Amino acid sequence: MEIKYQTVLNNNPTIKSKHSDYIHKLAPLTINEIVSLEANYNSGNQFPASLRELLFLAGQDCYVLDYGLNDTQEEMQDDARGWLVDYGFGSFTRPFFVIDVHSGSDAFLFVYLDDEASDPMVYLYILDINLDPDYSRIRATGSNLSSLVNDRISYLQRGISPF
């Protein structure tokens, strides 16, 4: 696969921690695994190019994204969708893909899959039941997917937590 958007991630398959000897490593998904995810979560349509690249390089494990306690991308996707139901928030009307879960099940980062952009905007979904109902649960992060990943890699390289 040609890497056009996730070049910084591609150029850093491992990163040594600044303050220890720990080495962070990426773990990829195969094209067949990505196609299966597309079938399950995007009606068989290809994901945006930047997301495909991310999964190809680090879909099993990414040192700047938190996949939670999930063993697979399918588990993470299904868990996030389950949280929406568990908290009584219903479901999305647009196809989406979760790229990061944090604070347990309090929030997750995602991209819309029906966006025409090859490098889609990243959004935050807040699951806090105490959130003022006048505030939107969905918030744009202001970053597209490759920028978010690049910024987090930069933090890690400087010894700052990417989370």
C-alpha atoms as a PDB file:
ATOM      1  CA  MET A   1       0.000   0.000   0.000  1.00  0.00           C
ATOM      2  CA  GLU A   2       1.301   3.441  -0.903  1.00  0.00           C
ATOM      3  CA  ILE A   3       1.508   5.651   2.191  1.00  0.00           C
ATOM      4  CA  LYS A   4       0.484   9.211   1.363  1.00  0.00           C
ATOM      5  CA  TYR A   5      -1.044  10.604   4.578  1.00  0.00           C
ATOM      6  CA  GLN A   6       0.479   8.625   7.459  1.00  0.00           C
ATOM      7  CA  THR A   7       4.090   9.208   6.409  1.00  0.00           C
ATOM      8  CA  VAL A   8       5.322  10.217   9.870  1.00  0.00           C
ATOM      9  CA  LEU A   9       3.864   7.031  11.340  1.00  0.00           C
ATOM     10  CA  ASN A  10       5.351   5.008   8.483  1.00  0.00           C
ATOM     11  CA  ASN A  11       8.774   6.569   9.100  1.00  0.00           C
ATOM     12  CA  ASN A  12       8.626   5.738  12.828  1.00  0.00           C
ATOM     13  CA  PRO A  13       7.707   2.050  13.200  1.00  0.00           C
ATOM     14  CA  THR A  14       9.395   2.183  16.602  1.00  0.00           C
ATOM     15  CA  ILE A  15      10.079   5.017  19.036  1.00  0.00           C
ATOM     16  CA  LYS A  16      12.322   4.767  22.078  1.00  0.00           C
ATOM     17  CA  SER A  17      10.981   6.411  25.205  1.00  0.00           C
ATOM     18  CA  LYS A  18      12.872   9.551  26.066  1.00  0.00           C
ATOM     19  CA  HIS A  19      13.135   8.732  29.782  1.00  0.00           C
ATOM     20  CA  SER A  20      13.545   4.946  29.697  1.00  0.00           C
ATOM     21  CA  ASP A  21      14.736   2.091  27.527  1.00  0.00           C
ATOM     22  CA  TYR A  22      11.186   1.147  26.541  1.00  0.00           C
ATOM     23  CA  ILE A  23      10.641   0.901  22.791  1.00  0.00           C
ATOM     24  CA  HIS A  24       7.150   1.619  21.424  1.00  0.00           C
ATOM     25  CA  LYS A  25       6.263  -0.503  18.398  1.00  0.00           C
ATOM     26  CA  LEU A  26       3.483  -0.470  15.836  1.00  0.00           C
ATOM     27  CA  ALA A  27       1.525  -3.605  14.955  1.00  0.00           C
ATOM     28  CA  PRO A  28      -0.263  -3.585  11.585  1.00  0.00           C
ATOM     29  CA  LEU A  29      -3.388  -5.152  10.136  1.00  0.00           C
ATOM     30  CA  THR A  30      -3.366  -7.003   6.838  1.00  0.00           C
ATOM     31  CA  ILE A  31      -5.230  -5.742   3.788  1.00  0.00           C
ATOM     32  CA  ASN A  32      -7.681  -8.643   4.223  1.00  0.00           C
ATOM     33  CA  GLU A  33      -8.371  -7.562   7.820  1.00  0.00           C
ATOM     34  CA  ILE A  34      -8.956  -3.979   6.640  1.00  0.00           C
ATOM     35  CA  VAL A  35     -11.332  -5.159   3.905  1.00  0.00           C
ATOM     36  CA  SER A  36     -13.248  -7.142   6.536  1.00  0.00           C
ATOM     37  CA  LEU A  37     -13.561  -4.012   8.699  1.00  0.00           C
ATOM     38  CA  GLU A  38     -14.797  -2.086   5.666  1.00  0.00           C
ATOM     39  CA  ALA A  39     -17.412  -4.759   5.039  1.00  0.00           C
ATOM     40  CA  ASN A  40     -18.600  -4.671   8.654  1.00  0.00           C
ATOM     41  CA  TYR A  41     -18.519  -0.930   9.346  1.00  0.00           C
ATOM     42  CA  ASN A  42     -18.757   0.799   5.954  1.00  0.00           C
ATOM     43  CA  SER A  43     -21.080  -1.391   3.875  1.00  0.00           C
ATOM     44  CA  GLY A  44     -18.108  -2.740   1.923  1.00  0.00           C
ATOM     45  CA  ASN A  45     -16.977   0.722   0.816  1.00  0.00           C
ATOM     46  CA  GLN A  46     -13.309   1.586   1.223  1.00  0.00           C
ATOM     47  CA  PHE A  47     -12.339   3.667   4.222  1.00  0.00           C
ATOM     48  CA  PRO A  48     -10.780   7.082   3.622  1.00  0.00           C
ATOM     49  CA  ALA A  49      -7.158   6.653   2.510  1.00  0.00           C
ATOM     50  CA  SER A  50      -5.645   8.048   5.718  1.00  0.00           C
ATOM     51  CA  LEU A  51      -7.634   5.590   7.862  1.00  0.00           C
ATOM     52  CA  ARG A  52      -6.677   2.661   5.628  1.00  0.00           C
ATOM     53  CA  GLU A  53      -3.028   3.660   5.978  1.00  0.00           C
ATOM     54  CA  LEU A  54      -3.333   3.967   9.756  1.00  0.00           C
ATOM     55  CA  LEU A  55      -4.841   0.499  10.016  1.00  0.00           C
ATOM     56  CA  PHE A  56      -2.265  -0.939   7.617  1.00  0.00           C
ATOM     57  CA  LEU A  57       0.582   0.471   9.712  1.00  0.00           C
ATOM     58  CA  ALA A  58      -0.839   0.271  13.232  1.00  0.00           C
ATOM     59  CA  GLY A  59      -4.323  -1.233  13.263  1.00  0.00           C
ATOM     60  CA  GLN A  60      -3.425  -3.877  15.811  1.00  0.00           C
ATOM     61  CA  ASP A  61      -1.407  -1.589  18.063  1.00  0.00           C
ATOM     62  CA  CYS A  62      -0.466   2.077  17.805  1.00  0.00           C
ATOM     63  CA  TYR A  63       1.734   3.811  20.359  1.00  0.00           C
ATOM     64  CA  VAL A  64      -0.141   7.129  19.990  1.00  0.00           C
ATOM     65  CA  LEU A  65      -3.716   5.796  20.005  1.00  0.00           C
ATOM     66  CA  ASP A  66      -5.461   4.003  22.842  1.00  0.00           C
ATOM     67  CA  TYR A  67      -7.379   0.954  21.680  1.00  0.00           C
ATOM     68  CA  GLY A  68      -8.488   0.246  25.237  1.00  0.00           C
ATOM     69  CA  LEU A  69      -8.619  -3.287  26.566  1.00  0.00           C
ATOM     70  CA  ASN A  70      -9.836  -4.546  23.218  1.00  0.00           C
ATOM     71  CA  ASP A  71      -7.941  -7.304  21.457  1.00  0.00           C
ATOM     72  CA  THR A  72      -9.195  -6.345  17.991  1.00  0.00           C
ATOM     73  CA  GLN A  73     -10.523  -3.400  16.052  1.00  0.00           C
ATOM     74  CA  GLU A  74     -13.868  -5.208  15.848  1.00  0.00           C
ATOM     75  CA  GLU A  75     -14.088  -5.344  19.642  1.00  0.00           C
ATOM     76  CA  MET A  76     -13.296  -1.636  19.917  1.00  0.00           C
ATOM     77  CA  GLN A  77     -15.902  -0.712  17.289  1.00  0.00           C
ATOM     78  CA  ASP A  78     -18.548  -2.921  18.878  1.00  0.00           C
ATOM     79  CA  ASP A  79     -17.746  -1.690  22.394  1.00  0.00           C
ATOM     80  CA  ALA A  80     -18.151   1.962  21.389  1.00  0.00           C
ATOM     81  CA  ARG A  81     -21.449   1.219  19.689  1.00  0.00           C
ATOM     82  CA  GLY A  82     -22.527  -0.700  22.788  1.00  0.00           C
ATOM     83  CA  TRP A  83     -21.683   2.271  25.019  1.00  0.00           C
ATOM     84  CA  LEU A  84     -24.012   4.446  22.952  1.00  0.00           C
ATOM     85  CA  VAL A  85     -26.817   1.991  23.638  1.00  0.00           C
ATOM     86  CA  ASP A  86     -25.864   1.431  27.293  1.00  0.00           C
ATOM     87  CA  TYR A  87     -25.887   5.166  28.007  1.00  0.00           C
ATOM     88  CA  GLY A  88     -29.152   5.618  26.106  1.00  0.00           C
ATOM     89  CA  PHE A  89     -27.657   7.819  23.405  1.00  0.00           C
ATOM     90  CA  GLY A  90     -28.976   5.786  20.486  1.00  0.00           C
ATOM     91  CA  SER A  91     -26.814   5.375  17.475  1.00  0.00           C
ATOM     92  CA  PHE A  92     -25.168   7.432  14.769  1.00  0.00           C
ATOM     93  CA  THR A  93     -27.040   8.113  11.565  1.00  0.00           C
ATOM     94  CA  ARG A  94     -23.752   8.307   9.661  1.00  0.00           C
ATOM     95  CA  PRO A  95     -21.152   5.539   9.296  1.00  0.00           C
ATOM     96  CA  PHE A  96     -18.193   6.084  11.614  1.00  0.00           C
ATOM     97  CA  PHE A  97     -15.029   4.368  12.789  1.00  0.00           C
ATOM     98  CA  VAL A  98     -13.557   4.675  16.277  1.00  0.00           C
ATOM     99  CA  ILE A  99      -9.815   5.352  16.326  1.00  0.00           C
ATOM    100  CA  ASP A 100      -9.188   5.845  20.065  1.00  0.00           C
ATOM    101  CA  VAL A 101     -10.999   5.188  23.331  1.00  0.00           C
ATOM    102  CA  HIS A 102      -9.975   6.950  26.510  1.00  0.00           C
ATOM    103  CA  SER A 103     -11.037   7.435  30.088  1.00  0.00           C
ATOM    104  CA  GLY A 104     -12.438   3.925  30.135  1.00  0.00           C
ATOM    105  CA  SER A 105     -15.695   4.297  28.291  1.00  0.00           C
ATOM    106  CA  ASP A 106     -16.236   8.018  28.903  1.00  0.00           C
ATOM    107  CA  ALA A 107     -15.250   9.202  25.432  1.00  0.00           C
ATOM    108  CA  PHE A 108     -13.890   8.104  22.099  1.00  0.00           C
ATOM    109  CA  LEU A 109     -12.332   9.649  19.006  1.00  0.00           C
ATOM    110  CA  PHE A 110     -13.763   8.770  15.621  1.00  0.00           C
ATOM    111  CA  VAL A 111     -13.934   9.693  11.957  1.00  0.00           C
ATOM    112  CA  TYR A 112     -17.012   9.766   9.771  1.00  0.00           C
ATOM    113  CA  LEU A 113     -16.718   7.332   6.895  1.00  0.00           C
ATOM    114  CA  ASP A 114     -19.055   9.144   4.510  1.00  0.00           C
ATOM    115  CA  ASP A 115     -16.888  12.261   4.449  1.00  0.00           C
ATOM    116  CA  GLU A 116     -15.397  12.778   0.991  1.00  0.00           C
ATOM    117  CA  ALA A 117     -12.007  13.763   2.448  1.00  0.00           C
ATOM    118  CA  SER A 118      -9.155  11.302   2.044  1.00  0.00           C
ATOM    119  CA  ASP A 119      -7.782  12.519   5.391  1.00  0.00           C
ATOM    120  CA  PRO A 120     -10.959  13.039   7.438  1.00  0.00           C
ATOM    121  CA  MET A 121     -11.537  15.320  10.415  1.00  0.00           C
ATOM    122  CA  VAL A 122     -11.374  13.620  13.819  1.00  0.00           C
ATOM    123  CA  TYR A 123     -14.263  14.047  16.246  1.00  0.00           C
ATOM    124  CA  LEU A 124     -14.659  13.427  19.975  1.00  0.00           C
ATOM    125  CA  TYR A 125     -17.810  11.774  21.311  1.00  0.00           C
ATOM    126  CA  ILE A 126     -18.382  12.429  25.024  1.00  0.00           C
ATOM    127  CA  LEU A 127     -20.370   9.759  26.848  1.00  0.00           C
ATOM    128  CA  ASP A 128     -20.578  11.550  30.212  1.00  0.00           C
ATOM    129  CA  ILE A 129     -24.186  11.227  31.395  1.00  0.00           C
ATOM    130  CA  ASN A 130     -23.728  14.354  33.529  1.00  0.00           C
ATOM    131  CA  LEU A 131     -22.902  16.523  30.525  1.00  0.00           C
ATOM    132  CA  ASP A 132     -25.184  19.538  30.224  1.00  0.00           C
ATOM    133  CA  PRO A 133     -27.758  18.581  27.558  1.00  0.00           C
ATOM    134  CA  ASP A 134     -27.268  21.981  25.891  1.00  0.00           C
ATOM    135  CA  TYR A 135     -23.717  21.002  24.942  1.00  0.00           C
ATOM    136  CA  SER A 136     -23.055  18.809  21.952  1.00  0.00           C
ATOM    137  CA  ARG A 137     -21.723  15.356  22.713  1.00  0.00           C
ATOM    138  CA  ILE A 138     -19.876  15.416  19.387  1.00  0.00           C
ATOM    139  CA  ARG A 139     -17.027  17.893  19.082  1.00  0.00           C
ATOM    140  CA  ALA A 140     -14.597  18.444  16.234  1.00  0.00           C
ATOM    141  CA  THR A 141     -10.994  18.173  17.396  1.00  0.00           C
ATOM    142  CA  GLY A 142      -9.781  20.633  14.780  1.00  0.00           C
ATOM    143  CA  SER A 143      -7.386  18.022  13.390  1.00  0.00           C
ATOM    144  CA  ASN A 144      -7.611  15.654  10.495  1.00  0.00           C
ATOM    145  CA  LEU A 145      -6.488  12.082  11.106  1.00  0.00           C
ATOM    146  CA  SER A 146      -2.887  12.402   9.925  1.00  0.00           C
ATOM    147  CA  SER A 147      -2.374  15.678  11.845  1.00  0.00           C
ATOM    148  CA  LEU A 148      -3.681  14.117  15.052  1.00  0.00           C
ATOM    149  CA  VAL A 149      -1.329  11.157  14.682  1.00  0.00           C
ATOM    150  CA  ASN A 150       1.613  13.397  13.713  1.00  0.00           C
ATOM    151  CA  ASP A 151       1.050  15.715  16.692  1.00  0.00           C
ATOM    152  CA  ARG A 152       0.895  12.780  19.076  1.00  0.00           C
ATOM    153  CA  ILE A 153       4.085  11.282  17.639  1.00  0.00           C
ATOM    154  CA  SER A 154       5.783  14.644  18.150  1.00  0.00           C
ATOM    155  CA  TYR A 155       4.670  14.669  21.796  1.00  0.00           C
ATOM    156  CA  LEU A 156       5.987  11.147  22.359  1.00  0.00           C
ATOM    157  CA  GLN A 157       9.317  11.980  20.737  1.00  0.00           C
ATOM    158  CA  ARG A 158       9.690  14.921  23.131  1.00  0.00           C
ATOM    159  CA  GLY A 159       8.944  12.742  26.151  1.00  0.00           C
ATOM    160  CA  ILE A 160       5.375  14.031  26.586  1.00  0.00           C
ATOM    161  CA  SER A 161       2.425  11.669  26.885  1.00  0.00           C
ATOM    162  CA  PRO A 162       0.488  11.612  23.600  1.00  0.00           C
ATOM    163  CA  PHE A 163      -2.726  11.137  25.554  1.00  0.00           C
END
